Amino acid sequence: METRWVGPDGYEITAATRGDRQVLRLRRHGEHVADCFSIEELRRYVDLADLCEVISLPFGGRSSRGRQEALR
């Protein structure tokens, strides 16, 4: 599962690989802005306090009612 953070003004940060190094890939409105090799470098573009992690929830499977019955 991919970890992703979003911020104001259309910023999105994901982990990526560039060559053999891991980077934080910064996009704004879907357009590539920079591959940052450190948090300090990323901080030049966006205020880290404004970022929110996006958590993907699994879809499909049983309904919540089915899970509640399974717990009984």
N, C-alpha and C. Protein backbone atom coordinates (compact mmCIF):
# COMPACT_ATOMS: atom_id res chain seq x y z
N MET A 1 0.85 -1.17 0.00
CA MET A 1 0.00 0.00 0.00
C MET A 1 0.90 1.24 0.00
N GLU A 2 0.58 2.18 -0.88
CA GLU A 2 1.37 3.39 -1.02
C GLU A 2 1.00 4.41 0.06
N THR A 3 2.02 4.97 0.70
CA THR A 3 1.79 6.04 1.67
C THR A 3 1.81 7.35 0.91
N ARG A 4 0.87 8.23 1.27
CA ARG A 4 0.74 9.48 0.54
C ARG A 4 0.29 10.56 1.50
N TRP A 5 0.82 11.76 1.32
CA TRP A 5 0.43 12.90 2.12
C TRP A 5 -0.07 13.98 1.17
N VAL A 6 -1.05 14.73 1.60
CA VAL A 6 -1.57 15.84 0.80
C VAL A 6 -1.55 17.11 1.65
N GLY A 7 -1.48 18.23 0.97
CA GLY A 7 -1.46 19.51 1.64
C GLY A 7 -2.27 20.53 0.87
N PRO A 8 -2.30 21.73 1.37
CA PRO A 8 -3.05 22.78 0.69
C PRO A 8 -2.43 23.11 -0.66
N ASP A 9 -3.20 23.77 -1.47
CA ASP A 9 -2.74 24.23 -2.80
C ASP A 9 -2.39 23.08 -3.74
N GLY A 10 -2.98 21.89 -3.52
CA GLY A 10 -2.81 20.80 -4.47
C GLY A 10 -1.52 20.01 -4.34
N TYR A 11 -0.79 20.16 -3.24
CA TYR A 11 0.45 19.42 -3.06
C TYR A 11 0.17 17.98 -2.66
N GLU A 12 1.00 17.06 -3.18
CA GLU A 12 0.91 15.64 -2.85
C GLU A 12 2.32 15.09 -2.79
N ILE A 13 2.60 14.31 -1.74
CA ILE A 13 3.93 13.72 -1.55
C ILE A 13 3.78 12.21 -1.47
N THR A 14 4.60 11.49 -2.23
CA THR A 14 4.64 10.04 -2.19
C THR A 14 6.10 9.59 -2.13
N ALA A 15 6.31 8.39 -1.63
CA ALA A 15 7.65 7.80 -1.64
C ALA A 15 7.89 7.23 -3.03
N ALA A 16 9.11 7.39 -3.52
CA ALA A 16 9.46 6.89 -4.85
C ALA A 16 10.94 6.49 -4.83
N THR A 17 11.38 5.88 -5.90
CA THR A 17 12.78 5.50 -6.05
C THR A 17 13.35 6.21 -7.27
N ARG A 18 14.48 6.82 -7.09
CA ARG A 18 15.17 7.49 -8.20
C ARG A 18 16.57 6.90 -8.26
N GLY A 19 16.82 6.15 -9.31
CA GLY A 19 18.07 5.39 -9.36
C GLY A 19 18.00 4.31 -8.29
N ASP A 20 18.93 4.32 -7.37
CA ASP A 20 18.91 3.35 -6.27
C ASP A 20 18.61 4.03 -4.93
N ARG A 21 18.13 5.29 -4.98
CA ARG A 21 17.84 6.03 -3.75
C ARG A 21 16.35 6.28 -3.59
N GLN A 22 15.91 6.23 -2.35
CA GLN A 22 14.51 6.57 -2.06
C GLN A 22 14.38 8.08 -1.98
N VAL A 23 13.30 8.61 -2.55
CA VAL A 23 13.05 10.04 -2.55
C VAL A 23 11.60 10.29 -2.13
N LEU A 24 11.34 11.52 -1.76
CA LEU A 24 9.97 11.97 -1.53
C LEU A 24 9.59 12.77 -2.76
N ARG A 25 8.63 12.23 -3.53
CA ARG A 25 8.24 12.86 -4.79
C ARG A 25 7.13 13.87 -4.52
N LEU A 26 7.38 15.10 -4.90
CA LEU A 26 6.44 16.19 -4.68
C LEU A 26 5.75 16.54 -5.99
N ARG A 27 4.42 16.54 -5.94
CA ARG A 27 3.62 16.96 -7.09
C ARG A 27 2.67 18.06 -6.65
N ARG A 28 2.31 18.89 -7.59
CA ARG A 28 1.30 19.92 -7.33
C ARG A 28 0.31 19.87 -8.47
N HIS A 29 -0.95 19.63 -8.13
CA HIS A 29 -2.02 19.46 -9.13
C HIS A 29 -1.62 18.42 -10.17
N GLY A 30 -0.95 17.34 -9.72
CA GLY A 30 -0.58 16.24 -10.60
C GLY A 30 0.70 16.44 -11.38
N GLU A 31 1.27 17.63 -11.36
CA GLU A 31 2.51 17.92 -12.08
C GLU A 31 3.72 17.72 -11.17
N HIS A 32 4.74 17.05 -11.67
CA HIS A 32 5.96 16.82 -10.91
C HIS A 32 6.63 18.15 -10.57
N VAL A 33 6.96 18.35 -9.29
CA VAL A 33 7.66 19.56 -8.84
C VAL A 33 9.11 19.22 -8.52
N ALA A 34 9.32 18.18 -7.70
CA ALA A 34 10.70 17.85 -7.28
C ALA A 34 10.74 16.46 -6.68
N ASP A 35 11.93 15.85 -6.74
CA ASP A 35 12.24 14.65 -5.98
C ASP A 35 13.18 15.10 -4.87
N CYS A 36 12.72 15.00 -3.63
CA CYS A 36 13.48 15.48 -2.49
C CYS A 36 14.17 14.30 -1.81
N PHE A 37 15.45 14.48 -1.52
CA PHE A 37 16.24 13.43 -0.90
C PHE A 37 16.22 13.51 0.62
N SER A 38 15.60 14.57 1.18
CA SER A 38 15.53 14.71 2.63
C SER A 38 14.29 15.51 3.01
N ILE A 39 13.93 15.42 4.27
CA ILE A 39 12.81 16.20 4.79
C ILE A 39 13.15 17.69 4.71
N GLU A 40 14.39 18.03 4.98
CA GLU A 40 14.81 19.43 4.91
C GLU A 40 14.60 19.99 3.51
N GLU A 41 14.91 19.21 2.51
CA GLU A 41 14.71 19.65 1.13
C GLU A 41 13.22 19.81 0.82
N LEU A 42 12.41 18.89 1.30
CA LEU A 42 10.96 18.96 1.09
C LEU A 42 10.38 20.19 1.77
N ARG A 43 10.91 20.53 2.93
CA ARG A 43 10.43 21.67 3.71
C ARG A 43 10.57 22.99 2.95
N ARG A 44 11.46 23.05 1.99
CA ARG A 44 11.63 24.27 1.18
C ARG A 44 10.39 24.55 0.32
N TYR A 45 9.63 23.50 0.01
CA TYR A 45 8.48 23.62 -0.87
C TYR A 45 7.15 23.73 -0.13
N VAL A 46 7.03 23.02 0.98
CA VAL A 46 5.74 22.93 1.65
C VAL A 46 5.94 22.92 3.16
N ASP A 47 4.99 23.52 3.89
CA ASP A 47 5.03 23.50 5.35
C ASP A 47 4.57 22.12 5.81
N LEU A 48 5.44 21.37 6.43
CA LEU A 48 5.14 19.99 6.82
C LEU A 48 3.98 19.90 7.79
N ALA A 49 3.75 20.92 8.58
CA ALA A 49 2.64 20.92 9.54
C ALA A 49 1.29 20.93 8.84
N ASP A 50 1.25 21.33 7.57
CA ASP A 50 0.00 21.39 6.82
C ASP A 50 -0.35 20.07 6.13
N LEU A 51 0.53 19.08 6.18
CA LEU A 51 0.30 17.83 5.47
C LEU A 51 -0.58 16.88 6.27
N CYS A 52 -1.40 16.13 5.54
CA CYS A 52 -2.25 15.09 6.14
C CYS A 52 -1.98 13.79 5.41
N GLU A 53 -1.81 12.71 6.16
CA GLU A 53 -1.61 11.41 5.55
C GLU A 53 -2.95 10.90 5.03
N VAL A 54 -2.93 10.35 3.82
CA VAL A 54 -4.12 9.75 3.22
C VAL A 54 -4.07 8.26 3.53
N ILE A 55 -5.12 7.78 4.16
CA ILE A 55 -5.19 6.36 4.51
C ILE A 55 -6.25 5.71 3.63
N SER A 56 -5.82 4.72 2.86
CA SER A 56 -6.75 4.00 1.98
C SER A 56 -7.46 2.92 2.78
N LEU A 57 -8.76 2.90 2.67
CA LEU A 57 -9.56 1.89 3.34
C LEU A 57 -9.89 0.78 2.35
N PRO A 58 -9.84 -0.47 2.81
CA PRO A 58 -10.16 -1.57 1.90
C PRO A 58 -11.65 -1.55 1.54
N PHE A 59 -11.94 -1.80 0.30
CA PHE A 59 -13.33 -1.87 -0.14
C PHE A 59 -13.65 -3.30 -0.51
N GLY A 60 -14.94 -3.61 -0.56
CA GLY A 60 -15.35 -4.98 -0.81
C GLY A 60 -15.45 -5.71 0.51
N GLY A 61 -15.35 -7.00 0.47
CA GLY A 61 -15.42 -7.75 1.72
C GLY A 61 -16.79 -7.65 2.36
N ARG A 62 -16.86 -8.00 3.63
CA ARG A 62 -18.13 -7.99 4.36
C ARG A 62 -18.56 -6.59 4.76
N SER A 63 -19.85 -6.42 4.91
CA SER A 63 -20.38 -5.15 5.41
C SER A 63 -20.07 -5.05 6.90
N SER A 64 -20.27 -3.87 7.46
CA SER A 64 -20.01 -3.70 8.89
C SER A 64 -20.94 -4.59 9.71
N ARG A 65 -22.16 -4.80 9.24
CA ARG A 65 -23.09 -5.69 9.95
C ARG A 65 -22.54 -7.12 9.97
N GLY A 66 -21.95 -7.56 8.85
CA GLY A 66 -21.36 -8.89 8.80
C GLY A 66 -20.19 -9.03 9.75
N ARG A 67 -19.40 -7.99 9.89
CA ARG A 67 -18.28 -8.01 10.82
C ARG A 67 -18.78 -8.06 12.26
N GLN A 68 -19.83 -7.30 12.56
CA GLN A 68 -20.36 -7.31 13.91
C GLN A 68 -20.89 -8.68 14.28
N GLU A 69 -21.55 -9.34 13.34
CA GLU A 69 -22.06 -10.69 13.61
C GLU A 69 -20.91 -11.68 13.79
N ALA A 70 -19.81 -11.50 13.06
CA ALA A 70 -18.67 -12.40 13.17
C ALA A 70 -17.99 -12.25 14.53
N LEU A 71 -18.08 -11.07 15.13
CA LEU A 71 -17.45 -10.84 16.43
C LEU A 71 -18.24 -11.46 17.58
N ARG A 72 -19.49 -11.77 17.36
CA ARG A 72 -20.32 -12.35 18.44
C ARG A 72 -19.99 -13.77 18.71
